[in-house]
C-alpha atoms as a PDB file:
ATOM      1  CA  UNK A   1      50.111  -2.620   4.193  1.00  0.00           C
ATOM      2  CA  UNK A   2      49.469  -1.992   0.732  1.00  0.00           C
ATOM      3  CA  UNK A   3      45.618  -2.154   1.902  1.00  0.00           C
ATOM      4  CA  UNK A   4      44.403   1.679   1.004  1.00  0.00           C
ATOM      5  CA  UNK A   5      41.950   2.556   3.124  1.00  0.00           C
ATOM      6  CA  UNK A   6      38.961   5.627   2.282  1.00  0.00           C
ATOM      7  CA  UNK A   7      38.124   7.901   4.961  1.00  0.00           C
ATOM      8  CA  UNK A   8      35.575  10.143   5.080  1.00  0.00           C
ATOM      9  CA  UNK A   9      34.998  13.117   6.909  1.00  0.00           C
ATOM     10  CA  UNK A  10      31.028  14.549   7.580  1.00  0.00           C
ATOM     11  CA  UNK A  11      29.467  17.609   9.353  1.00  0.00           C
ATOM     12  CA  UNK A  12      26.280  17.465  10.126  1.00  0.00           C
ATOM     13  CA  UNK A  13      25.169  20.921  10.914  1.00  0.00           C
ATOM     14  CA  UNK A  14      27.289  23.276  10.374  1.00  0.00           C
ATOM     15  CA  UNK A  15      30.456  23.007   7.506  1.00  0.00           C
ATOM     16  CA  UNK A  16      34.882  23.185   9.339  1.00  0.00           C
ATOM     17  CA  UNK A  17      36.536  24.197   7.506  1.00  0.00           C
ATOM     18  CA  UNK A  18      39.145  21.548   4.697  1.00  0.00           C
ATOM     19  CA  UNK A  19      42.346  22.420   7.535  1.00  0.00           C
ATOM     20  CA  UNK A  20      40.114  20.962   9.860  1.00  0.00           C
ATOM     21  CA  UNK A  21      38.810  18.365   7.351  1.00  0.00           C
ATOM     22  CA  UNK A  22      42.432  16.860   6.556  1.00  0.00           C
ATOM     23  CA  UNK A  23      43.764  17.197  10.069  1.00  0.00           C
ATOM     24  CA  UNK A  24      40.546  14.883  11.037  1.00  0.00           C
ATOM     25  CA  UNK A  25      42.288  12.817   8.474  1.00  0.00           C
ATOM     26  CA  UNK A  26      45.651  12.574   8.846  1.00  0.00           C
ATOM     27  CA  UNK A  27      45.077  11.833  12.940  1.00  0.00           C
ATOM     28  CA  UNK A  28      41.814   8.337  12.086  1.00  0.00           C
ATOM     29  CA  UNK A  29      44.116   7.716   8.913  1.00  0.00           C
ATOM     30  CA  UNK A  30      46.652   6.119  12.051  1.00  0.00           C
ATOM     31  CA  UNK A  31      44.052   3.745  13.437  1.00  0.00           C
ATOM     32  CA  UNK A  32      44.264   1.005  10.767  1.00  0.00           C
ATOM     33  CA  UNK A  33      47.526  -0.076  12.225  1.00  0.00           C
ATOM     34  CA  UNK A  34      45.719  -1.171  15.799  1.00  0.00           C
ATOM     35  CA  UNK A  35      44.237  -3.700  13.562  1.00  0.00           C
ATOM     36  CA  UNK A  36      45.480  -4.479   9.836  1.00  0.00           C
ATOM     37  CA  UNK A  37      41.734  -5.629   8.433  1.00  0.00           C
ATOM     38  CA  UNK A  38      40.600  -2.317   7.919  1.00  0.00           C
ATOM     39  CA  UNK A  39      38.600  -0.748   5.068  1.00  0.00           C
ATOM     40  CA  UNK A  40      36.999   2.173   5.684  1.00  0.00           C
ATOM     41  CA  UNK A  41      36.863   4.967   8.224  1.00  0.00           C
ATOM     42  CA  UNK A  42      34.850   7.048   9.160  1.00  0.00           C
ATOM     43  CA  UNK A  43      33.954  10.577  10.432  1.00  0.00           C
ATOM     44  CA  UNK A  44      31.192  12.177  11.350  1.00  0.00           C
ATOM     45  CA  UNK A  45      30.772  15.790  12.942  1.00  0.00           C
ATOM     46  CA  UNK A  46      27.768  16.928  14.979  1.00  0.00           C
ATOM     47  CA  UNK A  47      27.552  20.619  15.227  1.00  0.00           C
ATOM     48  CA  UNK A  48      24.178  21.242  15.944  1.00  0.00           C
ATOM     49  CA  UNK A  49      25.867  22.081  19.933  1.00  0.00           C
ATOM     50  CA  UNK A  50      28.538  23.967  19.281  1.00  0.00           C
ATOM     51  CA  UNK A  51      29.703  24.566  22.152  1.00  0.00           C
ATOM     52  CA  UNK A  52      29.581  20.987  22.476  1.00  0.00           C
ATOM     53  CA  UNK A  53      30.521  18.958  19.533  1.00  0.00           C
ATOM     54  CA  UNK A  54      30.041  15.548  18.838  1.00  0.00           C
ATOM     55  CA  UNK A  55      32.518  12.926  17.108  1.00  0.00           C
ATOM     56  CA  UNK A  56      31.359   9.836  15.935  1.00  0.00           C
ATOM     57  CA  UNK A  57      34.106   7.632  13.749  1.00  0.00           C
ATOM     58  CA  UNK A  58      32.811   4.293  12.066  1.00  0.00           C
ATOM     59  CA  UNK A  59      35.522   1.462  11.586  1.00  0.00           C
ATOM     60  CA  UNK A  60      34.575  -1.332   8.745  1.00  0.00           C
ATOM     61  CA  UNK A  61      36.844  -3.880   9.062  1.00  0.00           C
ATOM     62  CA  UNK A  62      36.809  -7.903   6.963  1.00  0.00           C
ATOM     63  CA  UNK A  63      35.412 -10.437   8.050  1.00  0.00           C
ATOM     64  CA  UNK A  64      33.963  -8.184  11.601  1.00  0.00           C
ATOM     65  CA  UNK A  65      30.973  -5.764  12.651  1.00  0.00           C
ATOM     66  CA  UNK A  66      32.052  -2.606  12.254  1.00  0.00           C
ATOM     67  CA  UNK A  67      33.843  -0.573  15.565  1.00  0.00           C
ATOM     68  CA  UNK A  68      32.406   2.485  16.478  1.00  0.00           C
ATOM     69  CA  UNK A  69      32.706   5.237  18.813  1.00  0.00           C
ATOM     70  CA  UNK A  70      31.347   9.424  19.862  1.00  0.00           C
ATOM     71  CA  UNK A  71      32.370  11.572  22.265  1.00  0.00           C
ATOM     72  CA  UNK A  72      32.007  15.815  22.437  1.00  0.00           C
ATOM     73  CA  UNK A  73      34.106  18.184  23.533  1.00  0.00           C
ATOM     74  CA  UNK A  74      35.246  22.164  23.762  1.00  0.00           C
ATOM     75  CA  UNK A  75      35.706  21.569  19.813  1.00  0.00           C
ATOM     76  CA  UNK A  76      35.557  19.515  17.503  1.00  0.00           C
ATOM     77  CA  UNK A  77      39.744  18.208  17.504  1.00  0.00           C
ATOM     78  CA  UNK A  78      39.303  17.664  21.274  1.00  0.00           C
ATOM     79  CA  UNK A  79      36.256  15.974  20.891  1.00  0.00           C
ATOM     80  CA  UNK A  80      37.875  13.950  17.952  1.00  0.00           C
ATOM     81  CA  UNK A  81      41.385  13.446  20.410  1.00  0.00           C
ATOM     82  CA  UNK A  82      39.145  11.792  22.589  1.00  0.00           C
ATOM     83  CA  UNK A  83      36.695   9.489  19.802  1.00  0.00           C
ATOM     84  CA  UNK A  84      39.680   8.466  18.328  1.00  0.00           C
ATOM     85  CA  UNK A  85      41.473   7.390  22.033  1.00  0.00           C
ATOM     86  CA  UNK A  86      38.512   4.821  22.543  1.00  0.00           C
ATOM     87  CA  UNK A  87      38.569   3.590  19.041  1.00  0.00           C
ATOM     88  CA  UNK A  88      42.658   2.128  19.378  1.00  0.00           C
ATOM     89  CA  UNK A  89      40.974   0.918  23.374  1.00  0.00           C
ATOM     90  CA  UNK A  90      38.387  -0.965  20.838  1.00  0.00           C
ATOM     91  CA  UNK A  91      40.695  -2.310  17.803  1.00  0.00           C
ATOM     92  CA  UNK A  92      43.531  -3.188  19.838  1.00  0.00           C
ATOM     93  CA  UNK A  93      41.190  -5.348  22.420  1.00  0.00           C
ATOM     94  CA  UNK A  94      39.389  -6.849  19.151  1.00  0.00           C
ATOM     95  CA  UNK A  95      42.727  -7.581  17.573  1.00  0.00           C
ATOM     96  CA  UNK A  96      44.378  -8.972  21.061  1.00  0.00           C
ATOM     97  CA  UNK A  97      41.120 -11.265  21.013  1.00  0.00           C
ATOM     98  CA  UNK A  98      41.891 -12.877  17.493  1.00  0.00           C
ATOM     99  CA  UNK A  99      45.279 -13.792  18.534  1.00  0.00           C
ATOM    100  CA  UNK A 100      44.488 -15.091  22.390  1.00  0.00           C
ATOM    101  CA  UNK A 101      41.322 -17.129  20.014  1.00  0.00           C
ATOM    102  CA  UNK A 102      43.882 -18.391  17.063  1.00  0.00           C
ATOM    103  CA  UNK A 103      45.966 -18.901  19.564  1.00  0.00           C
ATOM    104  CA  UNK A 104      44.044 -21.716  21.208  1.00  0.00           C
ATOM    105  CA  UNK A 105      43.602 -23.042  18.493  1.00  0.00           C
ATOM    106  CA  UNK A 106      46.430 -24.672  17.427  1.00  0.00           C
ATOM    107  CA  UNK A 107      48.051 -25.613  21.042  1.00  0.00           C
ATOM    108  CA  UNK A 108      49.904 -28.944  20.533  1.00  0.00           C
ATOM    109  CA  UNK A 109      48.089 -31.276  22.126  1.00  0.00           C
ATOM    110  CA  UNK A 110      50.067 -33.194  25.140  1.00  0.00           C
ATOM    111  CA  UNK A 111      51.842 -36.109  24.514  1.00  0.00           C
ATOM    112  CA  UNK A 112      49.787 -39.008  26.665  1.00  0.00           C
ATOM    113  CA  UNK A 113      52.114 -40.935  29.476  1.00  0.00           C
ATOM    114  CA  UNK A 114      52.296 -44.732  28.185  1.00  0.00           C
END
């Protein structure tokens, strides 16, 4: 898996410390293991409501539409964890779908009884 995935963390309506941004990058950097065609990950943090910050993750991948997940939490990292979990499920489901379709196309036709 030598492909480098671009990870971008952006905050709206406020600022986050570099430490929190690095923590977020570290957590989302594990997402490509669920779908190896991932090319970019964007994390948007909306700090407009400080008691319930919202985290959105957009994952771009080759030959498919972008994946999107979002959630709110009591703090940025709680919201991030739940959003990452949602994204993992989407990526796993998509990968399973691709594998099952691939398997269907390559079945060997049964020998016909003569």
